[in-house]
Protein backbone atom coordinates (compact mmCIF):
# COMPACT_ATOMS: atom_id res chain seq x y z
CA MET A 1 12.97 -13.09 -44.96
CA ALA A 2 14.05 -13.78 -41.38
CA GLN A 3 14.92 -10.13 -40.96
CA ILE A 4 11.52 -9.05 -42.27
CA VAL A 5 9.72 -11.41 -39.87
CA SER A 6 11.87 -10.61 -36.84
CA SER A 7 11.73 -6.84 -37.29
CA PRO A 8 8.11 -6.43 -36.02
CA ILE A 9 8.88 -8.79 -33.13
CA VAL A 10 11.92 -6.73 -32.13
CA GLY A 11 9.84 -3.57 -32.39
CA ARG A 12 7.12 -4.97 -30.15
CA ARG A 13 9.72 -6.05 -27.60
CA ARG A 14 11.22 -2.58 -27.54
CA ILE A 15 7.80 -1.02 -27.05
CA ALA A 16 7.05 -3.49 -24.23
CA ARG A 17 10.36 -2.69 -22.51
CA LEU A 18 9.73 1.04 -22.87
CA SER A 19 6.24 0.63 -21.42
CA ARG A 20 7.61 -1.26 -18.42
CA ARG A 21 10.23 1.41 -17.83
CA MET A 22 7.61 4.15 -18.09
CA ASN A 23 5.53 2.38 -15.43
CA LEU A 24 8.50 2.37 -13.07
CA ILE A 25 9.47 5.97 -13.82
CA ALA A 26 5.89 7.23 -13.44
CA GLY A 27 5.39 5.27 -10.22
CA VAL A 28 8.63 6.56 -8.71
CA ALA A 29 7.72 10.12 -9.72
CA ILE A 30 4.20 9.98 -8.25
CA ILE A 31 5.20 8.30 -4.98
CA GLY A 32 8.28 10.50 -4.67
CA LEU A 33 6.10 13.60 -5.02
CA LEU A 34 3.61 12.33 -2.45
CA LEU A 35 6.35 11.44 0.04
CA THR A 36 7.86 14.90 -0.43
CA VAL A 37 4.49 16.54 0.27
CA ALA A 38 3.94 14.28 3.29
CA LEU A 39 7.34 15.11 4.81
CA LEU A 40 6.94 18.81 4.00
CA SER A 41 3.62 18.86 5.86
CA LEU A 42 5.46 17.95 9.07
CA VAL A 43 7.32 21.28 9.04
CA TRP A 44 5.17 23.57 6.86
CA THR A 45 1.65 23.99 5.53
CA PRO A 46 0.09 27.21 4.18
CA LEU A 47 -2.09 27.38 7.29
CA PRO A 48 -2.48 25.14 10.35
CA PRO A 49 -4.69 22.27 9.08
CA ALA A 50 -7.01 22.46 12.10
CA LYS A 51 -7.36 26.27 12.10
CA MET A 52 -11.02 27.28 11.67
CA GLN A 53 -12.03 30.55 10.04
CA ILE A 54 -15.82 30.46 9.87
CA ILE A 55 -15.93 33.81 8.12
CA HIS A 56 -14.12 32.22 5.15
CA LYS A 57 -16.06 28.93 5.04
CA LEU A 58 -16.78 27.18 1.72
CA GLN A 59 -14.60 29.50 -0.32
CA PRO A 60 -13.87 28.06 -3.78
CA PRO A 61 -10.31 27.44 -5.02
CA LEU A 62 -8.26 30.62 -5.52
CA ALA A 63 -10.89 32.72 -3.73
CA PHE A 64 -9.25 32.04 -0.36
CA GLY A 65 -6.14 29.93 -0.53
CA LEU A 66 -5.03 27.85 -3.50
CA LEU A 67 -7.68 25.11 -3.09
CA GLY A 68 -10.35 26.94 -1.11
CA THR A 69 -11.78 26.16 2.33
CA ASP A 70 -14.18 23.65 3.89
CA GLN A 71 -17.35 24.14 5.91
CA PHE A 72 -15.33 25.28 8.93
CA GLY A 73 -13.08 27.63 7.01
CA ARG A 74 -10.09 25.29 7.18
CA ASP A 75 -7.59 25.51 4.34
CA VAL A 76 -8.13 22.53 2.02
CA LEU A 77 -4.55 22.48 0.72
CA SER A 78 -3.17 22.32 4.26
CA MET A 79 -5.57 19.50 5.11
CA LEU A 80 -4.60 17.56 1.98
CA MET A 81 -0.91 17.90 2.82
CA ALA A 82 -1.39 16.80 6.43
CA GLY A 83 -3.75 14.04 5.30
CA CYS A 84 -1.07 12.79 2.91
CA TRP A 85 1.28 12.15 5.84
CA ASN A 86 -1.44 10.57 7.98
CA SER A 87 -2.68 8.27 5.22
CA LEU A 88 0.78 7.21 4.00
CA SER A 89 2.18 6.67 7.49
CA VAL A 90 -0.74 4.44 8.50
CA ALA A 91 -0.64 2.44 5.25
CA ILE A 92 3.14 1.98 5.16
CA THR A 93 3.35 1.02 8.84
CA ALA A 94 0.47 -1.47 8.52
CA VAL A 95 1.90 -3.12 5.39
CA ALA A 96 5.37 -3.30 6.97
CA ILE A 97 4.00 -5.04 10.07
CA GLY A 98 1.59 -7.32 8.23
CA GLY A 99 4.15 -8.09 5.52
CA THR A 100 6.84 -9.01 8.03
CA LEU A 101 4.58 -11.28 10.08
CA GLY A 102 2.97 -12.81 6.99
CA SER A 103 6.33 -13.46 5.33
CA ILE A 104 7.66 -15.13 8.47
CA THR A 105 4.54 -17.29 8.58
CA GLY A 106 4.84 -18.31 4.93
CA ILE A 107 8.55 -19.08 5.09
CA SER A 108 8.06 -21.06 8.32
CA ALA A 109 5.19 -23.05 6.85
CA ALA A 110 7.26 -23.93 3.78
CA ALA A 111 10.16 -25.06 5.99
CA ILE A 112 8.10 -27.05 8.50
CA ARG A 113 5.56 -28.65 6.13
CA GLY A 114 3.18 -31.33 7.34
CA PRO A 115 0.42 -30.68 9.92
CA ALA A 116 2.12 -27.52 11.23
CA GLU A 117 1.98 -25.97 7.76
CA ALA A 118 -1.70 -26.85 7.41
CA LEU A 119 -2.48 -25.36 10.84
CA LEU A 120 -0.68 -22.08 10.08
CA MET A 121 -2.44 -21.67 6.75
CA ARG A 122 -5.86 -22.49 8.20
CA ILE A 123 -5.32 -19.76 10.80
CA CYS A 124 -4.42 -17.39 7.97
CA ASP A 125 -7.60 -18.42 6.11
CA VAL A 126 -9.69 -17.54 9.17
CA ILE A 127 -8.02 -14.13 9.44
CA PHE A 128 -8.39 -13.56 5.70
CA ALA A 129 -12.13 -14.23 5.96
CA LEU A 130 -12.53 -11.21 8.25
CA PRO A 131 -12.51 -7.97 6.22
CA PRO A 132 -10.44 -5.10 7.65
CA ILE A 133 -13.52 -2.91 8.10
CA LEU A 134 -15.12 -5.51 10.37
CA SER A 135 -11.84 -6.00 12.26
CA ALA A 136 -11.60 -2.24 12.79
CA MET A 137 -15.16 -2.08 14.09
CA VAL A 138 -14.39 -4.81 16.63
CA LEU A 139 -11.13 -3.14 17.65
CA GLY A 140 -12.82 0.24 17.77
CA ALA A 141 -15.38 -1.09 20.21
CA PHE A 142 -12.55 -1.95 22.63
CA LEU A 143 -9.87 0.60 21.82
CA GLY A 144 -11.76 3.47 20.25
CA PRO A 145 -10.98 4.97 16.83
CA GLY A 146 -7.43 6.10 16.23
CA ARG A 147 -4.14 5.48 14.42
CA PHE A 148 -3.42 2.28 16.37
CA THR A 149 -6.82 0.81 15.51
CA ALA A 150 -6.41 1.55 11.79
CA ILE A 151 -2.86 0.18 11.65
CA THR A 152 -3.81 -2.97 13.55
CA ALA A 153 -6.87 -3.68 11.40
CA ILE A 154 -4.95 -3.29 8.13
CA ALA A 155 -1.90 -5.20 9.39
CA VAL A 156 -4.01 -8.16 10.54
CA PHE A 157 -5.64 -8.30 7.10
CA MET A 158 -2.21 -8.19 5.39
CA ILE A 159 -0.75 -11.16 7.31
CA PRO A 160 -2.60 -13.94 5.40
CA VAL A 161 -2.12 -12.09 2.09
CA PHE A 162 1.66 -12.12 2.47
CA ALA A 163 1.65 -15.60 4.03
CA ARG A 164 0.00 -17.14 0.97
CA VAL A 165 2.34 -15.41 -1.49
CA THR A 166 5.44 -16.21 0.56
CA LEU A 167 4.43 -19.86 1.03
CA ALA A 168 3.96 -20.36 -2.71
CA THR A 169 7.29 -18.75 -3.64
CA SER A 170 9.11 -20.50 -0.78
CA LEU A 171 7.87 -23.91 -1.89
CA GLN A 172 9.23 -23.18 -5.37
CA ALA A 173 12.59 -22.22 -3.84
CA TRP A 174 12.68 -25.43 -1.76
CA SER A 175 12.44 -27.46 -4.96
CA ARG A 176 15.55 -25.86 -6.47
CA ASP A 177 18.90 -27.61 -6.78
CA TYR A 178 20.72 -25.13 -4.53
CA VAL A 179 18.39 -26.00 -1.65
CA THR A 180 18.88 -29.72 -2.32
CA ALA A 181 22.65 -29.18 -2.19
CA ALA A 182 22.36 -27.20 1.04
CA ARG A 183 20.33 -29.99 2.64
CA ALA A 184 22.84 -32.58 1.43
CA ILE A 185 25.69 -30.91 3.31
CA GLY A 186 23.70 -30.87 6.53
CA ASN A 187 22.28 -27.33 6.75
CA THR A 188 19.27 -26.98 9.05
CA ARG A 189 15.90 -25.85 7.75
CA LEU A 190 16.33 -22.51 9.55
CA THR A 191 19.70 -21.93 7.91
CA ILE A 192 18.35 -22.86 4.49
CA SER A 193 15.36 -20.55 4.94
CA LEU A 194 17.52 -17.58 5.92
CA ARG A 195 20.50 -18.09 3.61
CA HIS A 196 18.96 -19.61 0.51
CA VAL A 197 15.17 -19.25 0.41
CA LEU A 198 14.67 -15.71 1.71
CA PRO A 199 17.29 -14.01 -0.54
CA ASN A 200 15.69 -15.61 -3.59
CA ILE A 201 12.13 -14.52 -2.80
CA ILE A 202 12.74 -11.12 -1.20
CA SER A 203 12.25 -9.28 -4.51
CA GLN A 204 8.80 -10.84 -4.92
CA ILE A 205 7.88 -9.86 -1.36
CA ILE A 206 8.95 -6.27 -2.04
CA VAL A 207 6.94 -6.10 -5.24
CA HIS A 208 3.88 -7.59 -3.58
CA GLY A 209 4.22 -5.19 -0.65
CA THR A 210 4.39 -2.20 -3.00
CA ILE A 211 1.17 -3.23 -4.71
CA GLN A 212 -0.52 -3.94 -1.37
CA LEU A 213 0.26 -0.35 -0.29
CA GLY A 214 -2.36 0.82 -2.79
CA LEU A 215 -4.95 -1.45 -1.17
CA ALA A 216 -3.87 -0.23 2.28
CA ILE A 217 -4.42 3.38 1.21
CA LEU A 218 -7.95 2.52 0.08
CA THR A 219 -8.64 0.61 3.30
CA GLU A 220 -7.36 3.46 5.46
CA ALA A 221 -9.57 5.89 3.55
CA GLY A 222 -12.55 3.60 4.07
CA LEU A 223 -11.87 3.33 7.80
CA SER A 224 -11.53 7.11 8.11
CA PHE A 225 -14.72 7.56 6.07
CA LEU A 226 -16.56 5.43 8.64
CA GLY A 227 -14.97 7.26 11.57
CA LEU A 228 -12.74 4.32 12.52
CA GLY A 229 -9.45 5.90 11.46
CA MET A 230 -7.44 8.64 13.08
CA ALA A 231 -9.43 10.75 15.52
CA PRO A 232 -10.21 14.42 14.75
CA PRO A 233 -8.81 17.00 14.38
CA ALA A 234 -6.08 15.06 12.54
CA PRO A 235 -7.08 15.33 8.85
CA THR A 236 -7.28 12.25 6.64
CA TRP A 237 -8.44 11.95 3.06
CA GLY A 238 -11.19 9.50 4.00
CA ARG A 239 -12.70 11.79 6.61
CA MET A 240 -12.48 14.74 4.21
CA LEU A 241 -14.63 12.71 1.81
CA ALA A 242 -17.08 11.88 4.59
CA ASP A 243 -17.38 15.53 5.65
CA ALA A 244 -17.90 16.62 2.03
CA GLN A 245 -21.04 14.50 1.51
CA THR A 246 -23.36 17.22 2.76
CA TYR A 247 -21.82 19.86 0.52
CA LEU A 248 -21.49 18.00 -2.80
CA ALA A 249 -23.78 20.41 -4.66
CA LEU A 250 -22.53 23.55 -2.93
CA ALA A 251 -18.80 22.80 -2.76
CA PRO A 252 -17.90 19.81 -4.99
CA TRP A 253 -14.16 20.47 -4.67
CA LEU A 254 -14.31 19.23 -1.08
CA ALA A 255 -14.96 15.71 -2.39
CA VAL A 256 -13.12 15.88 -5.71
CA LEU A 257 -9.73 16.90 -4.29
CA PRO A 258 -9.29 14.16 -1.64
CA GLY A 259 -10.79 11.64 -4.07
CA LEU A 260 -8.17 12.57 -6.66
CA ALA A 261 -5.45 12.34 -4.01
CA ILE A 262 -6.53 8.78 -3.09
CA ALA A 263 -6.79 7.74 -6.75
CA LEU A 264 -3.38 9.22 -7.59
CA THR A 265 -1.74 7.46 -4.64
CA VAL A 266 -3.23 4.07 -5.51
CA LEU A 267 -2.25 4.55 -9.16
CA GLY A 268 1.29 5.48 -8.15
CA PHE A 269 1.78 2.42 -5.95
CA ASN A 270 0.31 0.10 -8.60
CA MET A 271 2.56 1.51 -11.32
CA LEU A 272 5.56 1.32 -8.99
CA GLY A 273 4.75 -2.30 -8.15
CA ASP A 274 4.32 -3.23 -11.82
CA GLY A 275 7.58 -1.48 -12.69
CA LEU A 276 9.51 -3.21 -9.91
CA ARG A 277 8.06 -6.59 -10.89
CA ASP A 278 9.21 -6.13 -14.47
CA LEU A 279 12.61 -4.90 -13.32
CA LEU A 280 13.28 -7.64 -10.77
CA ASP A 281 11.73 -10.58 -12.67
CA PRO A 282 14.27 -11.90 -15.19
CA ARG A 283 11.54 -13.62 -17.16
CA GLU A 284 9.85 -10.25 -17.79
CA ALA A 285 13.13 -8.52 -18.54
CA SER A 286 13.94 -11.03 -21.31
CA ARG A 287 10.69 -10.45 -23.17
């Protein structure tokens, strides 16, 4: 009887494990493909992305080039490849900067505690209340649109996001027995944070950062759509969508292709983040 009851449970667990593995494999495959395309675009594209050929404007896919041309006769495939590098580089750089600063803030707040912790988190709450689009508009008024503006706006938004997650996980680590033992032998709070707390929460920071990359891609596309991202003629997926608005009825592929690229990238990062979470979290692995 026990075997009959446990058999469906074992089967469900196997299916759950397989599903988690498929998430990780699919995420690695999608992001690996996108990174390959992005790096390839630095040395080769079918045509120069900024090259205009008015005589071949608005050609449908396969009529001129694999994915057709835009309103200026530029090759859409070349623009998508170059836009992949521009979008990924901005998103990854912004998340790396914001994640590092936010993680330092969260770990420091957990170690200091008291009024200093409250002050740091209130500052993060103020930053979190300002959406990245608004931050980019303010920065753009002073610095002008460009890569630096987009990276700064996204990074500033990421700091409180990582700070909150890191604070919560750090406080859990500070309540563990190994931290109590480290304090008992006279280790300083800085030493405990670096040697005991950080190694035990780094996997959660990595997983959170991977998922936040999907949000950063969407934010970068939104900034480019509004003209606050990288300046022309550098192609970005967001600006390709903005330029395609006028030609939706005449040339729908101009909007569909960059939209699919953004959706695929966000999906890839989300699946990669879910897969890493299931891989690195022992509680998930045991289910």
